[in-house]
Amino acid sequence: MPKRTSSHTTADTAVNQVEALFLAAGCACEKVKQDYGEDLLIQPSQNNNIEPFRIWAQVKGTTGTRSPHKKSDTHSIPIKIAHLLKWLRSPEYTIVILWNTKTNSGLYCVPIMTLNEHQLAKSGREKTKLHFKTAAVLDKNSAKQIVWQARVEYYSNLFIAVETAASVAAKFEDNNDEEDKDSSYRLMQLAGELLLKAEAIEASGVDRHKSVIQFPSNKIIYFTAKFKKYLSDAVKERDDSLSGEGLITTASMHAVLTWFCHLTNTGVPHHVLVHCTTFVAALLTGVAEETSTLQRRPTRTSSRAATSSGITLGKRQRRKP
């Protein structure tokens, strides 16, 4: 009579417990029936709307307790390099989870953030060690951060696709003014979508929870109260020599970076930071570009535009000792 081994029981239990965790974080989950390296398909959602990106998870179940390496303070497991290369080259986000079924707790690792594809490919080995930091605990809060990391990665790939298409058009077409406008429009729209989902901005009549967000020209866009505070703090921390556009750009970049670091626990890729900063700075200055998707009030000076958004520009006053 067929027997169910303890290893199979542990593996299934681990997947079930991890699935329950991501369900509690607001995701839809589906177990992978044909195991080719992934155990769980995670589909993030916002306000009950499924997002246009997915997360794959490989779950390594265990029942024992392992002591971390003394020098690196990490746990490690052997894993096939072929699987790692597959995940690193995939446009979809993949996480690996080391899960203890007895304690219902575990650690996670994101290969794309910790491994080098070139070094793995030239190693010539079949397996390597995958390391899990003891601080990378998987719980409901970190699950939400993982979702945000995957969301940012999704938009990062969209930005790259638009930038690449614009670069190719510039090389092979003589008159590419229309292509430039289209790419600028698309980049601004993507930045606005991401900032809207991050609740850094709001737009009249626009639902931030939709998977794809359009910015009609008749919508008024403004900062949320919390992000306004981030901008104000960023202005206070800037160097006194900065003013005008320099201060707006620097403060916008600092606020955007701090905002996403809070959401993802890792920050954002540089090009994503640049496009989101451009969006925020444009909204602050109130300068309407032909390619912009924003509807703004009449153009003002930089300081007045920032002040109307609740931000005071110019040199900060020094406290008296």
Protein backbone atom coordinates (compact mmCIF):
# COMPACT_ATOMS: atom_id res chain seq x y z
CA MET A 1 0.00 0.00 0.00
CA PRO A 2 1.44 3.46 -0.95
CA LYS A 3 2.86 5.47 1.93
CA ARG A 4 3.00 9.19 2.38
CA THR A 5 6.52 10.10 3.45
CA SER A 6 7.27 12.65 6.16
CA SER A 7 9.14 14.82 3.65
CA HIS A 8 6.02 15.08 1.47
CA THR A 9 3.92 15.95 4.52
CA THR A 10 6.38 18.64 5.56
CA ALA A 11 6.51 20.09 2.04
CA ASP A 12 2.73 20.27 1.69
CA THR A 13 2.29 21.72 5.16
CA ALA A 14 4.89 24.40 4.47
CA VAL A 15 3.17 25.44 1.24
CA ASN A 16 -0.21 25.56 3.00
CA GLN A 17 1.14 27.75 5.80
CA VAL A 18 2.89 30.14 3.41
CA GLU A 19 -0.25 30.32 1.29
CA ALA A 20 -2.29 31.27 4.36
CA LEU A 21 0.17 34.06 5.14
CA PHE A 22 -0.11 35.64 1.68
CA LEU A 23 -3.89 35.22 1.71
CA ALA A 24 -3.91 37.22 4.94
CA ALA A 25 -1.83 39.88 3.16
CA GLY A 26 -4.60 40.27 0.55
CA CYS A 27 -3.22 38.09 -2.26
CA ALA A 28 -4.86 35.35 -4.29
CA CYS A 29 -2.81 32.14 -4.26
CA GLU A 30 -2.73 28.97 -6.31
CA LYS A 31 -0.65 25.87 -5.70
CA VAL A 32 1.44 24.74 -8.67
CA LYS A 33 0.35 21.22 -9.62
CA GLN A 34 3.23 20.48 -11.98
CA ASP A 35 6.38 21.20 -9.96
CA TYR A 36 9.13 22.65 -12.18
CA GLY A 37 10.81 24.62 -9.40
CA GLU A 38 7.92 26.72 -8.08
CA ASP A 39 5.34 25.68 -5.50
CA LEU A 40 3.04 28.68 -5.25
CA LEU A 41 1.64 31.30 -7.62
CA ILE A 42 0.84 34.52 -5.77
CA GLN A 43 -1.36 37.15 -7.42
CA PRO A 44 -1.32 40.46 -5.53
CA SER A 45 -4.41 42.63 -5.36
CA GLN A 46 -5.40 46.12 -4.31
CA ASN A 47 -8.94 46.77 -3.13
CA ASN A 48 -10.03 43.35 -4.45
CA ASN A 49 -8.63 44.06 -7.93
CA ILE A 50 -6.00 41.60 -9.16
CA GLU A 51 -2.77 43.30 -10.23
CA PRO A 52 -1.21 42.71 -13.69
CA PHE A 53 1.88 41.02 -12.24
CA ARG A 54 2.54 37.78 -10.37
CA ILE A 55 4.95 36.38 -7.83
CA TRP A 56 6.32 32.84 -7.90
CA ALA A 57 7.45 31.14 -4.70
CA GLN A 58 9.52 28.08 -4.04
CA VAL A 59 8.90 26.82 -0.50
CA LYS A 60 11.49 24.69 1.29
CA GLY A 61 9.78 23.03 4.24
CA THR A 62 11.63 21.91 7.36
CA THR A 63 10.78 20.69 10.84
CA GLY A 64 14.13 21.20 12.53
CA THR A 65 15.91 24.26 13.83
CA ARG A 66 19.17 25.30 12.25
CA SER A 67 21.79 27.54 13.76
CA PRO A 68 22.85 30.38 11.46
CA HIS A 69 26.41 30.74 10.25
CA LYS A 70 28.34 32.66 12.89
CA LYS A 71 30.18 34.98 10.49
CA SER A 72 27.36 35.87 8.10
CA ASP A 73 24.35 35.36 10.39
CA THR A 74 22.55 33.48 7.61
CA HIS A 75 20.98 30.11 6.93
CA SER A 76 21.80 28.38 3.66
CA ILE A 77 20.39 25.57 1.53
CA PRO A 78 21.68 23.89 -1.65
CA ILE A 79 19.75 24.78 -4.78
CA LYS A 80 20.10 24.03 -8.50
CA ILE A 81 21.78 26.75 -10.51
CA ALA A 82 19.42 26.02 -13.41
CA HIS A 83 16.49 27.09 -11.22
CA LEU A 84 18.27 30.26 -10.15
CA LEU A 85 19.12 31.23 -13.73
CA LYS A 86 15.52 30.62 -14.74
CA TRP A 87 14.28 32.98 -12.03
CA LEU A 88 16.91 35.64 -12.70
CA ARG A 89 16.04 35.72 -16.40
CA SER A 90 12.29 35.72 -15.88
CA PRO A 91 10.32 39.00 -16.12
CA GLU A 92 8.23 37.79 -13.17
CA TYR A 93 9.24 38.08 -9.55
CA THR A 94 10.38 34.97 -7.68
CA ILE A 95 11.03 34.42 -3.98
CA VAL A 96 12.46 31.40 -2.15
CA ILE A 97 11.13 30.62 1.32
CA LEU A 98 12.71 28.48 4.04
CA TRP A 99 9.74 27.54 6.23
CA ASN A 100 9.60 25.69 9.56
CA THR A 101 6.27 23.88 9.82
CA LYS A 102 6.58 23.28 13.56
CA THR A 103 6.99 26.95 14.44
CA ASN A 104 4.91 28.21 11.50
CA SER A 105 7.63 30.72 10.70
CA GLY A 106 10.36 31.19 8.16
CA LEU A 107 12.80 33.30 6.18
CA TYR A 108 12.73 34.48 2.59
CA CYS A 109 15.22 35.37 -0.12
CA VAL A 110 14.75 37.25 -3.40
CA PRO A 111 17.31 35.80 -5.87
CA ILE A 112 17.21 38.78 -8.25
CA MET A 113 18.37 41.04 -5.40
CA THR A 114 21.19 38.88 -4.07
CA LEU A 115 22.66 36.84 -6.96
CA ASN A 116 24.76 37.61 -10.02
CA GLU A 117 23.57 35.86 -13.18
CA HIS A 118 26.93 36.00 -14.95
CA GLN A 119 28.83 34.44 -12.05
CA LEU A 120 26.28 31.65 -11.73
CA ALA A 121 26.32 30.91 -15.46
CA LYS A 122 30.10 30.59 -15.65
CA SER A 123 30.51 28.61 -12.41
CA GLY A 124 30.09 25.26 -14.17
CA ARG A 125 28.50 23.75 -11.07
CA GLU A 126 25.13 22.06 -10.82
CA LYS A 127 24.23 23.50 -7.42
CA THR A 128 25.15 26.41 -5.20
CA LYS A 129 24.26 27.74 -1.76
CA LEU A 130 21.33 30.11 -1.36
CA HIS A 131 21.59 32.23 1.77
CA PHE A 132 18.76 33.50 3.97
CA LYS A 133 19.48 36.37 6.34
CA THR A 134 18.08 35.83 9.82
CA ALA A 135 16.59 39.35 9.63
CA ALA A 136 14.58 38.44 6.52
CA VAL A 137 11.63 37.04 8.46
CA LEU A 138 8.54 36.26 6.43
CA ASP A 139 5.40 37.56 8.11
CA LYS A 140 2.34 39.55 7.08
CA ASN A 141 4.21 42.86 7.02
CA SER A 142 7.17 41.55 5.01
CA ALA A 143 4.72 39.81 2.66
CA LYS A 144 3.22 43.22 1.87
CA GLN A 145 6.72 44.62 1.31
CA ILE A 146 7.47 41.75 -1.08
CA VAL A 147 4.31 42.61 -3.01
CA TRP A 148 5.50 46.20 -3.27
CA GLN A 149 8.94 45.07 -4.41
CA ALA A 150 7.28 43.02 -7.15
CA ARG A 151 5.04 45.94 -8.10
CA VAL A 152 8.01 48.29 -8.43
CA GLU A 153 9.88 45.66 -10.46
CA TYR A 154 6.87 45.37 -12.79
CA TYR A 155 6.80 49.13 -13.38
CA SER A 156 10.58 49.16 -13.72
CA ASN A 157 10.30 46.77 -16.67
CA LEU A 158 7.58 48.96 -18.22
CA PHE A 159 9.79 52.04 -17.92
CA ILE A 160 12.67 50.18 -19.55
CA ALA A 161 10.44 49.02 -22.42
CA VAL A 162 9.30 52.59 -23.15
CA GLU A 163 12.84 53.97 -22.87
CA THR A 164 14.21 51.27 -25.19
CA ALA A 165 11.50 51.85 -27.80
CA ALA A 166 12.20 55.59 -27.73
CA SER A 167 15.95 54.99 -28.08
CA VAL A 168 15.48 52.70 -31.08
CA ALA A 169 13.11 55.19 -32.73
CA ALA A 170 15.63 57.99 -32.25
CA LYS A 171 18.33 56.01 -34.06
CA PHE A 172 16.34 54.86 -37.07
CA GLU A 173 13.81 57.62 -37.71
CA ASP A 174 14.67 61.11 -38.95
CA ASN A 175 11.68 62.95 -37.53
CA ASN A 176 10.77 61.42 -34.22
CA ASP A 177 9.09 64.37 -32.49
CA GLU A 178 5.83 62.46 -32.21
CA GLU A 179 7.62 59.40 -30.81
CA ASP A 180 9.33 61.61 -28.22
CA LYS A 181 5.99 63.04 -27.17
CA ASP A 182 4.42 59.60 -26.98
CA SER A 183 7.26 58.19 -24.89
CA SER A 184 7.26 61.21 -22.57
CA TYR A 185 3.51 60.88 -22.17
CA ARG A 186 3.78 57.17 -21.41
CA LEU A 187 6.63 57.61 -18.92
CA MET A 188 4.71 60.34 -17.09
CA GLN A 189 1.59 58.18 -17.08
CA LEU A 190 3.45 55.16 -15.65
CA ALA A 191 5.05 57.31 -12.94
CA GLY A 192 1.64 58.71 -12.07
CA GLU A 193 0.09 55.24 -11.88
CA LEU A 194 2.82 54.03 -9.54
CA LEU A 195 2.60 57.08 -7.28
CA LEU A 196 -1.18 56.81 -7.20
CA LYS A 197 -1.00 53.16 -6.13
CA ALA A 198 1.57 54.15 -3.51
CA GLU A 199 -0.90 56.75 -2.19
CA ALA A 200 1.60 59.55 -2.66
CA ILE A 201 -0.84 61.42 -4.93
CA GLU A 202 -4.56 61.54 -5.46
CA ALA A 203 -6.61 62.45 -8.52
CA SER A 204 -10.15 63.66 -8.73
CA GLY A 205 -12.41 60.93 -10.07
CA VAL A 206 -9.62 58.35 -10.40
CA ASP A 207 -9.63 55.06 -8.49
CA ARG A 208 -6.07 54.38 -7.33
CA HIS A 209 -6.87 50.71 -6.90
CA LYS A 210 -7.45 49.95 -10.58
CA SER A 211 -4.76 47.80 -12.15
CA VAL A 212 -4.28 50.23 -15.05
CA ILE A 213 -4.89 53.89 -14.32
CA GLN A 214 -5.52 56.54 -16.95
CA PHE A 215 -4.97 60.23 -16.32
CA PRO A 216 -7.49 62.17 -18.44
CA SER A 217 -6.52 65.78 -19.02
CA ASN A 218 -9.50 67.04 -17.00
CA LYS A 219 -8.37 65.44 -13.73
CA ILE A 220 -6.80 67.52 -10.97
CA ILE A 221 -3.89 65.72 -9.31
CA TYR A 222 -2.61 66.63 -5.86
CA PHE A 223 -0.42 65.22 -3.09
CA THR A 224 -1.79 63.23 -0.20
CA ALA A 225 -1.38 64.76 3.25
CA LYS A 226 1.18 62.15 4.30
CA PHE A 227 3.35 62.59 1.21
CA LYS A 228 3.13 66.36 1.66
CA LYS A 229 4.75 65.84 5.04
CA TYR A 230 7.55 63.83 3.40
CA LEU A 231 8.13 66.69 0.96
CA SER A 232 8.17 69.28 3.74
CA ASP A 233 10.68 67.25 5.73
CA ALA A 234 12.82 66.82 2.60
CA VAL A 235 12.88 70.59 2.06
CA LYS A 236 13.95 71.21 5.65
CA GLU A 237 16.84 68.76 5.30
CA ARG A 238 18.24 70.26 2.10
CA ASP A 239 21.31 72.45 1.87
CA ASP A 240 20.69 76.18 2.31
CA SER A 241 22.40 76.94 -1.00
CA LEU A 242 19.60 75.24 -2.94
CA SER A 243 16.60 77.19 -4.20
CA GLY A 244 14.08 77.20 -7.02
CA GLU A 245 14.16 74.21 -9.39
CA GLY A 246 17.25 72.73 -7.74
CA LEU A 247 15.52 72.60 -4.39
CA ILE A 248 12.32 71.19 -5.88
CA THR A 249 14.14 68.41 -7.74
CA THR A 250 16.36 67.48 -4.80
CA ALA A 251 13.51 67.52 -2.28
CA SER A 252 11.25 65.57 -4.66
CA MET A 253 13.86 62.85 -5.16
CA HIS A 254 14.53 62.56 -1.43
CA ALA A 255 10.81 62.35 -0.64
CA VAL A 256 10.14 59.74 -3.35
CA LEU A 257 13.08 57.59 -2.28
CA THR A 258 12.09 57.74 1.41
CA TRP A 259 8.48 56.96 0.54
CA PHE A 260 9.32 53.83 -1.44
CA CYS A 261 11.93 52.68 1.06
CA HIS A 262 9.11 52.63 3.60
CA LEU A 263 6.88 50.60 1.28
CA THR A 264 9.42 48.13 -0.10
CA ASN A 265 12.15 48.09 2.55
CA THR A 266 14.63 48.24 -0.36
CA GLY A 267 13.97 51.47 -2.29
CA VAL A 268 13.51 51.67 -6.07
CA PRO A 269 15.73 51.26 -9.16
CA HIS A 270 17.39 54.50 -10.26
CA HIS A 271 15.36 55.01 -13.44
CA VAL A 272 12.10 54.48 -11.53
CA LEU A 273 13.25 57.03 -8.97
CA VAL A 274 14.09 59.51 -11.75
CA HIS A 275 10.71 59.24 -13.49
CA CYS A 276 8.72 59.45 -10.25
CA THR A 277 10.83 62.44 -9.18
CA THR A 278 10.13 64.13 -12.53
CA PHE A 279 6.41 63.61 -11.99
CA VAL A 280 6.48 65.03 -8.45
CA ALA A 281 8.70 67.98 -9.43
CA ALA A 282 6.43 68.78 -12.39
CA LEU A 283 3.39 68.75 -10.13
CA LEU A 284 5.19 71.02 -7.65
CA THR A 285 6.28 73.58 -10.21
CA GLY A 286 2.94 73.59 -12.01
CA VAL A 287 4.61 73.74 -15.41
CA ALA A 288 2.40 71.98 -17.98
CA GLU A 289 4.26 70.19 -20.76
CA GLU A 290 2.58 69.30 -24.02
CA THR A 291 3.22 65.62 -23.34
CA SER A 292 2.06 65.76 -19.73
CA THR A 293 -1.10 63.97 -18.66
CA LEU A 294 -1.65 66.42 -15.83
CA GLN A 295 -4.20 69.19 -15.73
CA ARG A 296 -2.85 72.01 -13.63
CA ARG A 297 -3.87 75.47 -12.58
CA PRO A 298 -2.21 78.45 -14.32
CA THR A 299 1.59 78.40 -14.19
CA ARG A 300 3.15 79.97 -11.12
CA THR A 301 6.67 80.50 -9.93
CA SER A 302 8.32 77.51 -8.31
CA SER A 303 8.06 78.87 -4.77
CA ARG A 304 4.37 79.75 -5.10
CA ALA A 305 3.51 76.38 -6.64
CA ALA A 306 5.27 74.57 -3.83
CA THR A 307 3.67 76.76 -1.20
CA SER A 308 0.20 76.03 -2.60
CA SER A 309 0.97 72.34 -2.12
CA GLY A 310 1.73 72.94 1.52
CA ILE A 311 5.50 73.13 1.13
CA THR A 312 7.64 76.12 2.04
CA LEU A 313 10.63 76.62 -0.24
CA GLY A 314 13.69 78.77 0.21
CA LYS A 315 16.29 78.81 2.94
CA ARG A 316 15.22 77.24 6.17
CA GLN A 317 15.55 79.36 9.24
CA ARG A 318 18.22 78.30 11.66
CA ARG A 319 17.28 77.75 15.25
CA LYS A 320 18.87 80.08 17.72
CA PRO A 321 21.18 78.32 20.16
